[in-house]
Amino acid sequence: MKLAFLCHPVTDLKKSLIYYRDTLGFEEAWREGDHTIALRLPGTDVQLMIENDEPELGPGGIFIVDSVDEYYEHHQEKLHFIKTPCDIPPGRYAIYQDDSENLIRIIDLSRER
């Protein structure tokens, strides 16, 4: 498992983009449709993803795993998954919570291989 980026759900994507880009100096790294923008902290590989796709969910890390489906299969009895594996443009995606209800999002890049 490797940290890919941090996820911050927002209610107003355009307003949030202006804040992170113009106020904090983040640089746009990529977009997915009209609901997701990734921003890079200048001079680093650190990325922050803002999205209005799941605003009811809190912030958390997004971690890359080899296979979301295999990870889910091996951990579904031990972890509290709030979103079971589903398709996303680069691969598969799921979310589980730790004991303090912090979100841990996992993705694989199976569609990019």
PDB file of N, CA and C in Angstrom:
ATOM      1  N   MET A   1       0.858  -1.167   0.000  1.00  0.00           N
ATOM      2  CA  MET A   1       0.000   0.000   0.000  1.00  0.00           C
ATOM      3  C   MET A   1       0.906   1.232   0.000  1.00  0.00           C
ATOM      4  N   LYS A   2       0.590   2.161  -0.899  1.00  0.00           N
ATOM      5  CA  LYS A   2       1.383   3.374  -1.043  1.00  0.00           C
ATOM      6  C   LYS A   2       0.441   4.571  -1.109  1.00  0.00           C
ATOM      7  N   LEU A   3       0.748   5.618  -0.342  1.00  0.00           N
ATOM      8  CA  LEU A   3      -0.073   6.823  -0.375  1.00  0.00           C
ATOM      9  C   LEU A   3       0.039   7.476  -1.745  1.00  0.00           C
ATOM     10  N   ALA A   4      -1.104   7.662  -2.407  1.00  0.00           N
ATOM     11  CA  ALA A   4      -1.123   8.300  -3.723  1.00  0.00           C
ATOM     12  C   ALA A   4      -1.371   9.800  -3.587  1.00  0.00           C
ATOM     13  N   PHE A   5      -2.388  10.175  -2.811  1.00  0.00           N
ATOM     14  CA  PHE A   5      -2.694  11.568  -2.566  1.00  0.00           C
ATOM     15  C   PHE A   5      -3.706  11.671  -1.435  1.00  0.00           C
ATOM     16  N   LEU A   6      -3.947  12.886  -0.997  1.00  0.00           N
ATOM     17  CA  LEU A   6      -4.944  13.152   0.024  1.00  0.00           C
ATOM     18  C   LEU A   6      -6.226  13.597  -0.664  1.00  0.00           C
ATOM     19  N   CYS A   7      -7.350  13.219  -0.118  1.00  0.00           N
ATOM     20  CA  CYS A   7      -8.651  13.552  -0.686  1.00  0.00           C
ATOM     21  C   CYS A   7      -9.382  14.500   0.254  1.00  0.00           C
ATOM     22  N   HIS A   8      -9.849  15.620  -0.297  1.00  0.00           N
ATOM     23  CA  HIS A   8     -10.660  16.559   0.458  1.00  0.00           C
ATOM     24  C   HIS A   8     -11.972  16.784  -0.285  1.00  0.00           C
ATOM     25  N   PRO A   9     -13.058  16.190   0.176  1.00  0.00           N
ATOM     26  CA  PRO A   9     -14.354  16.475  -0.434  1.00  0.00           C
ATOM     27  C   PRO A   9     -14.708  17.949  -0.214  1.00  0.00           C
ATOM     28  N   VAL A  10     -15.261  18.571  -1.234  1.00  0.00           N
ATOM     29  CA  VAL A  10     -15.640  19.985  -1.152  1.00  0.00           C
ATOM     30  C   VAL A  10     -17.068  20.133  -1.667  1.00  0.00           C
ATOM     31  N   THR A  11     -17.714  21.209  -1.284  1.00  0.00           N
ATOM     32  CA  THR A  11     -19.081  21.450  -1.748  1.00  0.00           C
ATOM     33  C   THR A  11     -19.113  22.322  -3.001  1.00  0.00           C
ATOM     34  N   ASP A  12     -18.090  23.139  -3.197  1.00  0.00           N
ATOM     35  CA  ASP A  12     -18.025  24.022  -4.366  1.00  0.00           C
ATOM     36  C   ASP A  12     -16.647  23.857  -5.002  1.00  0.00           C
ATOM     37  N   LEU A  13     -16.590  23.062  -6.070  1.00  0.00           N
ATOM     38  CA  LEU A  13     -15.312  22.729  -6.698  1.00  0.00           C
ATOM     39  C   LEU A  13     -14.607  23.960  -7.259  1.00  0.00           C
ATOM     40  N   LYS A  14     -15.331  24.832  -7.945  1.00  0.00           N
ATOM     41  CA  LYS A  14     -14.711  26.020  -8.538  1.00  0.00           C
ATOM     42  C   LYS A  14     -14.133  26.944  -7.474  1.00  0.00           C
ATOM     43  N   LYS A  15     -14.885  27.178  -6.421  1.00  0.00           N
ATOM     44  CA  LYS A  15     -14.425  28.042  -5.334  1.00  0.00           C
ATOM     45  C   LYS A  15     -13.220  27.420  -4.627  1.00  0.00           C
ATOM     46  N   SER A  16     -13.259  26.123  -4.440  1.00  0.00           N
ATOM     47  CA  SER A  16     -12.145  25.429  -3.785  1.00  0.00           C
ATOM     48  C   SER A  16     -10.897  25.448  -4.652  1.00  0.00           C
ATOM     49  N   LEU A  17     -11.065  25.290  -5.967  1.00  0.00           N
ATOM     50  CA  LEU A  17      -9.921  25.370  -6.875  1.00  0.00           C
ATOM     51  C   LEU A  17      -9.243  26.734  -6.763  1.00  0.00           C
ATOM     52  N   ILE A  18     -10.032  27.788  -6.761  1.00  0.00           N
ATOM     53  CA  ILE A  18      -9.470  29.136  -6.626  1.00  0.00           C
ATOM     54  C   ILE A  18      -8.697  29.267  -5.321  1.00  0.00           C
ATOM     55  N   TYR A  19      -9.252  28.736  -4.231  1.00  0.00           N
ATOM     56  CA  TYR A  19      -8.575  28.809  -2.936  1.00  0.00           C
ATOM     57  C   TYR A  19      -7.226  28.076  -2.948  1.00  0.00           C
ATOM     58  N   TYR A  20      -7.249  26.795  -3.353  1.00  0.00           N
ATOM     59  CA  TYR A  20      -6.023  26.002  -3.313  1.00  0.00           C
ATOM     60  C   TYR A  20      -4.992  26.475  -4.339  1.00  0.00           C
ATOM     61  N   ARG A  21      -5.456  26.878  -5.509  1.00  0.00           N
ATOM     62  CA  ARG A  21      -4.538  27.312  -6.567  1.00  0.00           C
ATOM     63  C   ARG A  21      -4.043  28.740  -6.332  1.00  0.00           C
ATOM     64  N   ASP A  22      -4.969  29.681  -6.165  1.00  0.00           N
ATOM     65  CA  ASP A  22      -4.599  31.091  -6.116  1.00  0.00           C
ATOM     66  C   ASP A  22      -4.159  31.561  -4.736  1.00  0.00           C
ATOM     67  N   THR A  23      -4.754  31.023  -3.685  1.00  0.00           N
ATOM     68  CA  THR A  23      -4.385  31.436  -2.335  1.00  0.00           C
ATOM     69  C   THR A  23      -3.196  30.647  -1.813  1.00  0.00           C
ATOM     70  N   LEU A  24      -3.221  29.314  -1.991  1.00  0.00           N
ATOM     71  CA  LEU A  24      -2.160  28.466  -1.441  1.00  0.00           C
ATOM     72  C   LEU A  24      -1.045  28.143  -2.432  1.00  0.00           C
ATOM     73  N   GLY A  25      -1.250  28.411  -3.716  1.00  0.00           N
ATOM     74  CA  GLY A  25      -0.206  28.203  -4.704  1.00  0.00           C
ATOM     75  C   GLY A  25      -0.049  26.789  -5.226  1.00  0.00           C
ATOM     76  N   PHE A  26      -1.065  25.931  -5.033  1.00  0.00           N
ATOM     77  CA  PHE A  26      -1.004  24.586  -5.593  1.00  0.00           C
ATOM     78  C   PHE A  26      -1.122  24.671  -7.116  1.00  0.00           C
ATOM     79  N   GLU A  27      -0.572  23.687  -7.810  1.00  0.00           N
ATOM     80  CA  GLU A  27      -0.632  23.628  -9.267  1.00  0.00           C
ATOM     81  C   GLU A  27      -1.561  22.489  -9.686  1.00  0.00           C
ATOM     82  N   GLU A  28      -2.372  22.733 -10.692  1.00  0.00           N
ATOM     83  CA  GLU A  28      -3.271  21.679 -11.156  1.00  0.00           C
ATOM     84  C   GLU A  28      -2.462  20.540 -11.779  1.00  0.00           C
ATOM     85  N   ALA A  29      -2.752  19.309 -11.362  1.00  0.00           N
ATOM     86  CA  ALA A  29      -2.049  18.124 -11.870  1.00  0.00           C
ATOM     87  C   ALA A  29      -2.896  17.378 -12.900  1.00  0.00           C
ATOM     88  N   TRP A  30      -4.198  17.209 -12.628  1.00  0.00           N
ATOM     89  CA  TRP A  30      -5.101  16.517 -13.541  1.00  0.00           C
ATOM     90  C   TRP A  30      -6.542  16.744 -13.103  1.00  0.00           C
ATOM     91  N   ARG A  31      -7.462  16.394 -13.997  1.00  0.00           N
ATOM     92  CA  ARG A  31      -8.907  16.501 -13.734  1.00  0.00           C
ATOM     93  C   ARG A  31      -9.587  15.216 -14.172  1.00  0.00           C
ATOM     94  N   GLU A  32     -10.715  14.960 -13.524  1.00  0.00           N
ATOM     95  CA  GLU A  32     -11.588  13.872 -13.949  1.00  0.00           C
ATOM     96  C   GLU A  32     -13.002  14.425 -14.013  1.00  0.00           C
ATOM     97  N   GLY A  33     -13.481  14.637 -15.203  1.00  0.00           N
ATOM     98  CA  GLY A  33     -14.819  15.170 -15.384  1.00  0.00           C
ATOM     99  C   GLY A  33     -14.985  16.531 -14.738  1.00  0.00           C
ATOM    100  N   ASP A  34     -16.213  16.790 -14.297  1.00  0.00           N
ATOM    101  CA  ASP A  34     -16.534  18.064 -13.651  1.00  0.00           C
ATOM    102  C   ASP A  34     -16.592  17.946 -12.140  1.00  0.00           C
ATOM    103  N   HIS A  35     -16.048  16.847 -11.589  1.00  0.00           N
ATOM    104  CA  HIS A  35     -16.203  16.630 -10.157  1.00  0.00           C
ATOM    105  C   HIS A  35     -14.895  16.409  -9.397  1.00  0.00           C
ATOM    106  N   THR A  36     -13.766  16.280 -10.099  1.00  0.00           N
ATOM    107  CA  THR A  36     -12.514  15.961  -9.417  1.00  0.00           C
ATOM    108  C   THR A  36     -11.351  16.731 -10.031  1.00  0.00           C
ATOM    109  N   ILE A  37     -10.547  17.349  -9.171  1.00  0.00           N
ATOM    110  CA  ILE A  37      -9.325  18.029  -9.598  1.00  0.00           C
ATOM    111  C   ILE A  37      -8.214  17.649  -8.631  1.00  0.00           C
ATOM    112  N   ALA A  38      -7.072  17.258  -9.175  1.00  0.00           N
ATOM    113  CA  ALA A  38      -5.899  16.982  -8.344  1.00  0.00           C
ATOM    114  C   ALA A  38      -4.951  18.166  -8.442  1.00  0.00           C
ATOM    115  N   LEU A  39      -4.408  18.547  -7.310  1.00  0.00           N
ATOM    116  CA  LEU A  39      -3.496  19.677  -7.223  1.00  0.00           C
ATOM    117  C   LEU A  39      -2.170  19.225  -6.617  1.00  0.00           C
ATOM    118  N   ARG A  40      -1.085  19.743  -7.148  1.00  0.00           N
ATOM    119  CA  ARG A  40       0.252  19.381  -6.675  1.00  0.00           C
ATOM    120  C   ARG A  40       0.831  20.550  -5.882  1.00  0.00           C
ATOM    121  N   LEU A  41       1.394  20.222  -4.729  1.00  0.00           N
ATOM    122  CA  LEU A  41       2.101  21.222  -3.952  1.00  0.00           C
ATOM    123  C   LEU A  41       3.382  21.555  -4.709  1.00  0.00           C
ATOM    124  N   PRO A  42       3.607  22.824  -5.070  1.00  0.00           N
ATOM    125  CA  PRO A  42       4.762  23.181  -5.899  1.00  0.00           C
ATOM    126  C   PRO A  42       6.081  22.639  -5.351  1.00  0.00           C
ATOM    127  N   GLY A  43       6.873  22.099  -6.274  1.00  0.00           N
ATOM    128  CA  GLY A  43       8.194  21.601  -5.923  1.00  0.00           C
ATOM    129  C   GLY A  43       8.193  20.231  -5.270  1.00  0.00           C
ATOM    130  N   THR A  44       7.024  19.556  -5.230  1.00  0.00           N
ATOM    131  CA  THR A  44       6.939  18.239  -4.595  1.00  0.00           C
ATOM    132  C   THR A  44       6.124  17.295  -5.474  1.00  0.00           C
ATOM    133  N   ASP A  45       6.058  16.036  -5.055  1.00  0.00           N
ATOM    134  CA  ASP A  45       5.180  15.064  -5.693  1.00  0.00           C
ATOM    135  C   ASP A  45       3.871  14.906  -4.925  1.00  0.00           C
ATOM    136  N   VAL A  46       3.701  15.671  -3.859  1.00  0.00           N
ATOM    137  CA  VAL A  46       2.516  15.582  -3.020  1.00  0.00           C
ATOM    138  C   VAL A  46       1.315  16.150  -3.761  1.00  0.00           C
ATOM    139  N   GLN A  47       0.216  15.371  -3.777  1.00  0.00           N
ATOM    140  CA  GLN A  47      -1.001  15.820  -4.450  1.00  0.00           C
ATOM    141  C   GLN A  47      -2.193  15.812  -3.495  1.00  0.00           C
ATOM    142  N   LEU A  48      -3.057  16.772  -3.711  1.00  0.00           N
ATOM    143  CA  LEU A  48      -4.310  16.878  -2.989  1.00  0.00           C
ATOM    144  C   LEU A  48      -5.420  16.785  -4.024  1.00  0.00           C
ATOM    145  N   MET A  49      -6.355  15.883  -3.812  1.00  0.00           N
ATOM    146  CA  MET A  49      -7.477  15.735  -4.728  1.00  0.00           C
ATOM    147  C   MET A  49      -8.701  16.372  -4.078  1.00  0.00           C
ATOM    148  N   ILE A  50      -9.299  17.330  -4.769  1.00  0.00           N
ATOM    149  CA  ILE A  50     -10.554  17.911  -4.298  1.00  0.00           C
ATOM    150  C   ILE A  50     -11.660  17.389  -5.217  1.00  0.00           C
ATOM    151  N   GLU A  51     -12.786  17.049  -4.606  1.00  0.00           N
ATOM    152  CA  GLU A  51     -13.896  16.518  -5.406  1.00  0.00           C
ATOM    153  C   GLU A  51     -15.218  16.855  -4.753  1.00  0.00           C
ATOM    154  N   ASN A  52     -16.220  17.032  -5.596  1.00  0.00           N
ATOM    155  CA  ASN A  52     -17.570  17.250  -5.076  1.00  0.00           C
ATOM    156  C   ASN A  52     -18.451  16.039  -5.352  1.00  0.00           C
ATOM    157  N   ASP A  53     -17.810  14.907  -5.603  1.00  0.00           N
ATOM    158  CA  ASP A  53     -18.502  13.666  -5.929  1.00  0.00           C
ATOM    159  C   ASP A  53     -19.103  12.999  -4.689  1.00  0.00           C
ATOM    160  N   GLU A  54     -18.391  13.064  -3.558  1.00  0.00           N
ATOM    161  CA  GLU A  54     -18.866  12.452  -2.310  1.00  0.00           C
ATOM    162  C   GLU A  54     -18.671  13.437  -1.151  1.00  0.00           C
ATOM    163  N   PRO A  55     -19.338  14.607  -1.214  1.00  0.00           N
ATOM    164  CA  PRO A  55     -19.083  15.641  -0.202  1.00  0.00           C
ATOM    165  C   PRO A  55     -19.464  15.229   1.218  1.00  0.00           C
ATOM    166  N   GLU A  56     -20.322  14.219   1.356  1.00  0.00           N
ATOM    167  CA  GLU A  56     -20.727  13.788   2.703  1.00  0.00           C
ATOM    168  C   GLU A  56     -19.629  12.993   3.411  1.00  0.00           C
ATOM    169  N   LEU A  57     -18.656  12.532   2.658  1.00  0.00           N
ATOM    170  CA  LEU A  57     -17.548  11.783   3.252  1.00  0.00           C
ATOM    171  C   LEU A  57     -16.432  12.744   3.640  1.00  0.00           C
ATOM    172  N   GLY A  58     -15.746  12.443   4.698  1.00  0.00           N
ATOM    173  CA  GLY A  58     -14.675  13.303   5.161  1.00  0.00           C
ATOM    174  C   GLY A  58     -13.384  13.101   4.399  1.00  0.00           C
ATOM    175  N   PRO A  59     -12.375  13.891   4.740  1.00  0.00           N
ATOM    176  CA  PRO A  59     -11.077  13.767   4.081  1.00  0.00           C
ATOM    177  C   PRO A  59     -10.354  12.500   4.510  1.00  0.00           C
ATOM    178  N   GLY A  60      -9.373  12.133   3.713  1.00  0.00           N
ATOM    179  CA  GLY A  60      -8.557  10.978   4.051  1.00  0.00           C
ATOM    180  C   GLY A  60      -7.565  10.682   2.948  1.00  0.00           C
ATOM    181  N   GLY A  61      -6.681   9.761   3.222  1.00  0.00           N
ATOM    182  CA  GLY A  61      -5.689   9.366   2.240  1.00  0.00           C
ATOM    183  C   GLY A  61      -6.264   8.412   1.219  1.00  0.00           C
ATOM    184  N   ILE A  62      -5.693   8.455   0.034  1.00  0.00           N
ATOM    185  CA  ILE A  62      -6.018   7.491  -1.013  1.00  0.00           C
ATOM    186  C   ILE A  62      -4.751   6.701  -1.272  1.00  0.00           C
ATOM    187  N   PHE A  63      -4.851   5.397  -1.086  1.00  0.00           N
ATOM    188  CA  PHE A  63      -3.693   4.519  -1.167  1.00  0.00           C
ATOM    189  C   PHE A  63      -3.812   3.600  -2.377  1.00  0.00           C
ATOM    190  N   ILE A  64      -2.691   3.393  -3.062  1.00  0.00           N
ATOM    191  CA  ILE A  64      -2.650   2.473  -4.196  1.00  0.00           C
ATOM    192  C   ILE A  64      -2.322   1.076  -3.679  1.00  0.00           C
ATOM    193  N   VAL A  65      -3.105   0.114  -4.122  1.00  0.00           N
ATOM    194  CA  VAL A  65      -2.840  -1.295  -3.837  1.00  0.00           C
ATOM    195  C   VAL A  65      -2.746  -2.023  -5.183  1.00  0.00           C
ATOM    196  N   ASP A  66      -2.181  -3.216  -5.181  1.00  0.00           N
ATOM    197  CA  ASP A  66      -2.053  -3.970  -6.428  1.00  0.00           C
ATOM    198  C   ASP A  66      -3.413  -4.314  -7.018  1.00  0.00           C
ATOM    199  N   SER A  67      -4.329  -4.749  -6.158  1.00  0.00           N
ATOM    200  CA  SER A  67      -5.671  -5.116  -6.608  1.00  0.00           C
ATOM    201  C   SER A  67      -6.671  -4.805  -5.501  1.00  0.00           C
ATOM    202  N   VAL A  68      -7.602  -3.904  -5.779  1.00  0.00           N
ATOM    203  CA  VAL A  68      -8.643  -3.578  -4.807  1.00  0.00           C
ATOM    204  C   VAL A  68      -9.485  -4.814  -4.508  1.00  0.00           C
ATOM    205  N   ASP A  69      -9.808  -5.585  -5.526  1.00  0.00           N
ATOM    206  CA  ASP A  69     -10.645  -6.761  -5.318  1.00  0.00           C
ATOM    207  C   ASP A  69      -9.956  -7.790  -4.422  1.00  0.00           C
ATOM    208  N   GLU A  70      -8.670  -8.035  -4.628  1.00  0.00           N
ATOM    209  CA  GLU A  70      -7.933  -8.967  -3.771  1.00  0.00           C
ATOM    210  C   GLU A  70      -7.798  -8.419  -2.354  1.00  0.00           C
ATOM    211  N   TYR A  71      -7.530  -7.120  -2.222  1.00  0.00           N
ATOM    212  CA  TYR A  71      -7.421  -6.494  -0.905  1.00  0.00           C
ATOM    213  C   TYR A  71      -8.745  -6.652  -0.152  1.00  0.00           C
ATOM    214  N   TYR A  72      -9.836  -6.357  -0.844  1.00  0.00           N
ATOM    215  CA  TYR A  72     -11.160  -6.506  -0.243  1.00  0.00           C
ATOM    216  C   TYR A  72     -11.409  -7.951   0.167  1.00  0.00           C
ATOM    217  N   GLU A  73     -11.114  -8.878  -0.706  1.00  0.00           N
ATOM    218  CA  GLU A  73     -11.324 -10.299  -0.427  1.00  0.00           C
ATOM    219  C   GLU A  73     -10.559 -10.746   0.817  1.00  0.00           C
ATOM    220  N   HIS A  74      -9.328 -10.303   0.957  1.00  0.00           N
ATOM    221  CA  HIS A  74      -8.488 -10.707   2.094  1.00  0.00           C
ATOM    222  C   HIS A  74      -8.815  -9.971   3.396  1.00  0.00           C
ATOM    223  N   HIS A  75      -9.463  -8.810   3.304  1.00  0.00           N
ATOM    224  CA  HIS A  75      -9.666  -7.990   4.499  1.00  0.00           C
ATOM    225  C   HIS A  75     -11.126  -7.707   4.850  1.00  0.00           C
ATOM    226  N   GLN A  76     -12.072  -8.184   4.075  1.00  0.00           N
ATOM    227  CA  GLN A  76     -13.470  -7.814   4.301  1.00  0.00           C
ATOM    228  C   GLN A  76     -14.009  -8.249   5.663  1.00  0.00           C
ATOM    229  N   GLU A  77     -13.462  -9.302   6.231  1.00  0.00           N
ATOM    230  CA  GLU A  77     -13.927  -9.757   7.546  1.00  0.00           C
ATOM    231  C   GLU A  77     -13.315  -8.953   8.685  1.00  0.00           C
ATOM    232  N   LYS A  78     -12.142  -8.337   8.442  1.00  0.00           N
ATOM    233  CA  LYS A  78     -11.417  -7.597   9.485  1.00  0.00           C
ATOM    234  C   LYS A  78     -11.670  -6.099   9.449  1.00  0.00           C
ATOM    235  N   LEU A  79     -12.009  -5.569   8.284  1.00  0.00           N
ATOM    236  CA  LEU A  79     -12.147  -4.124   8.118  1.00  0.00           C
ATOM    237  C   LEU A  79     -13.605  -3.748   7.878  1.00  0.00           C
ATOM    238  N   HIS A  80     -13.945  -2.511   8.249  1.00  0.00           N
ATOM    239  CA  HIS A  80     -15.308  -2.005   8.054  1.00  0.00           C
ATOM    240  C   HIS A  80     -15.368  -1.214   6.740  1.00  0.00           C
ATOM    241  N   PHE A  81     -15.752  -1.896   5.663  1.00  0.00           N
ATOM    242  CA  PHE A  81     -15.861  -1.254   4.361  1.00  0.00           C
ATOM    243  C   PHE A  81     -17.184  -0.500   4.276  1.00  0.00           C
ATOM    244  N   ILE A  82     -17.105   0.775   3.922  1.00  0.00           N
ATOM    245  CA  ILE A  82     -18.322   1.565   3.725  1.00  0.00           C
ATOM    246  C   ILE A  82     -18.635   1.718   2.239  1.00  0.00           C
ATOM    247  N   LYS A  83     -17.684   1.366   1.385  1.00  0.00           N
ATOM    248  CA  LYS A  83     -17.904   1.328  -0.062  1.00  0.00           C
ATOM    249  C   LYS A  83     -17.145   0.123  -0.592  1.00  0.00           C
ATOM    250  N   THR A  84     -17.872  -0.814  -1.138  1.00  0.00           N
ATOM    251  CA  THR A  84     -17.252  -2.023  -1.676  1.00  0.00           C
ATOM    252  C   THR A  84     -16.617  -1.699  -3.038  1.00  0.00           C
ATOM    253  N   PRO A  85     -15.755  -2.565  -3.538  1.00  0.00           N
ATOM    254  CA  PRO A  85     -15.056  -2.272  -4.786  1.00  0.00           C
ATOM    255  C   PRO A  85     -15.996  -1.894  -5.933  1.00  0.00           C
ATOM    256  N   CYS A  86     -15.588  -0.840  -6.640  1.00  0.00           N
ATOM    257  CA  CYS A  86     -16.342  -0.356  -7.792  1.00  0.00           C
ATOM    258  C   CYS A  86     -15.366   0.178  -8.833  1.00  0.00           C
ATOM    259  N   ASP A  87     -15.866   0.371 -10.039  1.00  0.00           N
ATOM    260  CA  ASP A  87     -15.039   0.883 -11.129  1.00  0.00           C
ATOM    261  C   ASP A  87     -14.863   2.389 -11.028  1.00  0.00           C
ATOM    262  N   ILE A  88     -13.658   2.849 -11.355  1.00  0.00           N
ATOM    263  CA  ILE A  88     -13.343   4.256 -11.561  1.00  0.00           C
ATOM    264  C   ILE A  88     -12.487   4.306 -12.823  1.00  0.00           C
ATOM    265  N   PRO A  89     -12.322   5.483 -13.444  1.00  0.00           N
ATOM    266  CA  PRO A  89     -11.583   5.517 -14.710  1.00  0.00           C
ATOM    267  C   PRO A  89     -10.211   4.813 -14.712  1.00  0.00           C
ATOM    268  N   PRO A  90      -9.353   4.990 -13.697  1.00  0.00           N
ATOM    269  CA  PRO A  90      -8.068   4.292 -13.808  1.00  0.00           C
ATOM    270  C   PRO A  90      -8.079   2.835 -13.338  1.00  0.00           C
ATOM    271  N   GLY A  91      -9.162   2.378 -12.684  1.00  0.00           N
ATOM    272  CA  GLY A  91      -9.167   0.998 -12.186  1.00  0.00           C
ATOM    273  C   GLY A  91     -10.335   0.707 -11.264  1.00  0.00           C
ATOM    274  N   ARG A  92     -10.007   0.325 -10.006  1.00  0.00           N
ATOM    275  CA  ARG A  92     -11.022  -0.043  -9.015  1.00  0.00           C
ATOM    276  C   ARG A  92     -10.813   0.790  -7.750  1.00  0.00           C
ATOM    277  N   TYR A  93     -11.879   0.904  -6.933  1.00  0.00           N
ATOM    278  CA  TYR A  93     -11.892   1.821  -5.798  1.00  0.00           C
ATOM    279  C   TYR A  93     -12.758   1.237  -4.689  1.00  0.00           C
ATOM    280  N   ALA A  94     -12.351   1.440  -3.431  1.00  0.00           N
ATOM    281  CA  ALA A  94     -13.152   1.048  -2.267  1.00  0.00           C
ATOM    282  C   ALA A  94     -12.766   1.953  -1.104  1.00  0.00           C
ATOM    283  N   ILE A  95     -13.617   1.970  -0.076  1.00  0.00           N
ATOM    284  CA  ILE A  95     -13.354   2.782   1.121  1.00  0.00           C
ATOM    285  C   ILE A  95     -13.659   1.950   2.353  1.00  0.00           C
ATOM    286  N   TYR A  96     -12.761   2.033   3.351  1.00  0.00           N
ATOM    287  CA  TYR A  96     -13.066   1.456   4.655  1.00  0.00           C
ATOM    288  C   TYR A  96     -12.707   2.465   5.737  1.00  0.00           C
ATOM    289  N   GLN A  97     -13.158   2.189   6.957  1.00  0.00           N
ATOM    290  CA  GLN A  97     -12.921   3.079   8.091  1.00  0.00           C
ATOM    291  C   GLN A  97     -12.032   2.394   9.114  1.00  0.00           C
ATOM    292  N   ASP A  98     -11.184   3.208   9.769  1.00  0.00           N
ATOM    293  CA  ASP A  98     -10.410   2.673  10.879  1.00  0.00           C
ATOM    294  C   ASP A  98     -11.282   2.702  12.134  1.00  0.00           C
ATOM    295  N   ASP A  99     -10.734   2.336  13.265  1.00  0.00           N
ATOM    296  CA  ASP A  99     -11.512   2.264  14.512  1.00  0.00           C
ATOM    297  C   ASP A  99     -12.014   3.620  15.000  1.00  0.00           C
ATOM    298  N   SER A 100     -11.432   4.715  14.489  1.00  0.00           N
ATOM    299  CA  SER A 100     -11.876   6.062  14.849  1.00  0.00           C
ATOM    300  C   SER A 100     -12.751   6.679  13.763  1.00  0.00           C
ATOM    301  N   GLU A 101     -13.183   5.866  12.816  1.00  0.00           N
ATOM    302  CA  GLU A 101     -14.046   6.255  11.707  1.00  0.00           C
ATOM    303  C   GLU A 101     -13.377   7.164  10.688  1.00  0.00           C
ATOM    304  N   ASN A 102     -12.028   7.178  10.668  1.00  0.00           N
ATOM    305  CA  ASN A 102     -11.304   7.874   9.613  1.00  0.00           C
ATOM    306  C   ASN A 102     -11.400   7.053   8.344  1.00  0.00           C
ATOM    307  N   LEU A 103     -11.527   7.733   7.217  1.00  0.00           N
ATOM    308  CA  LEU A 103     -11.668   7.037   5.944  1.00  0.00           C
ATOM    309  C   LEU A 103     -10.312   6.667   5.359  1.00  0.00           C
ATOM    310  N   ILE A 104     -10.247   5.480   4.816  1.00  0.00           N
ATOM    311  CA  ILE A 104      -9.077   5.007   4.086  1.00  0.00           C
ATOM    312  C   ILE A 104      -9.584   4.530   2.734  1.00  0.00           C
ATOM    313  N   ARG A 105      -9.202   5.264   1.716  1.00  0.00           N
ATOM    314  CA  ARG A 105      -9.623   4.944   0.355  1.00  0.00           C
ATOM    315  C   ARG A 105      -8.506   4.151  -0.320  1.00  0.00           C
ATOM    316  N   ILE A 106      -8.878   3.128  -1.068  1.00  0.00           N
ATOM    317  CA  ILE A 106      -7.880   2.366  -1.812  1.00  0.00           C
ATOM    318  C   ILE A 106      -8.271   2.342  -3.285  1.00  0.00           C
ATOM    319  N   ILE A 107      -7.265   2.387  -4.126  1.00  0.00           N
ATOM    320  CA  ILE A 107      -7.469   2.300  -5.572  1.00  0.00           C
ATOM    321  C   ILE A 107      -6.434   1.376  -6.166  1.00  0.00           C
ATOM    322  N   ASP A 108      -6.755   0.846  -7.322  1.00  0.00           N
ATOM    323  CA  ASP A 108      -5.720   0.198  -8.128  1.00  0.00           C
ATOM    324  C   ASP A 108      -5.778   0.857  -9.503  1.00  0.00           C
ATOM    325  N   LEU A 109      -4.739   0.644 -10.253  1.00  0.00           N
ATOM    326  CA  LEU A 109      -4.622   1.271 -11.576  1.00  0.00           C
ATOM    327  C   LEU A 109      -4.745   0.213 -12.661  1.00  0.00           C
ATOM    328  N   SER A 110      -5.638  -0.736 -12.444  1.00  0.00           N
ATOM    329  CA  SER A 110      -5.764  -1.891 -13.334  1.00  0.00           C
ATOM    330  C   SER A 110      -6.162  -1.541 -14.756  1.00  0.00           C
ATOM    331  N   ARG A 111      -6.826  -0.444 -14.971  1.00  0.00           N
ATOM    332  CA  ARG A 111      -7.215  -0.040 -16.325  1.00  0.00           C
ATOM    333  C   ARG A 111      -6.083   0.675 -17.061  1.00  0.00           C
ATOM    334  N   GLU A 112      -5.045   1.058 -16.325  1.00  0.00           N
ATOM    335  CA  GLU A 112      -3.918   1.746 -16.947  1.00  0.00           C
ATOM    336  C   GLU A 112      -2.804   0.782 -17.336  1.00  0.00           C
ATOM    337  N   ARG A 113      -2.929  -0.478 -16.985  1.00  0.00           N
ATOM    338  CA  ARG A 113      -1.880  -1.463 -17.258  1.00  0.00           C
ATOM    339  C   ARG A 113      -1.960  -1.985 -18.662  1.00  0.00           C
TER     340      ARG A 113
END
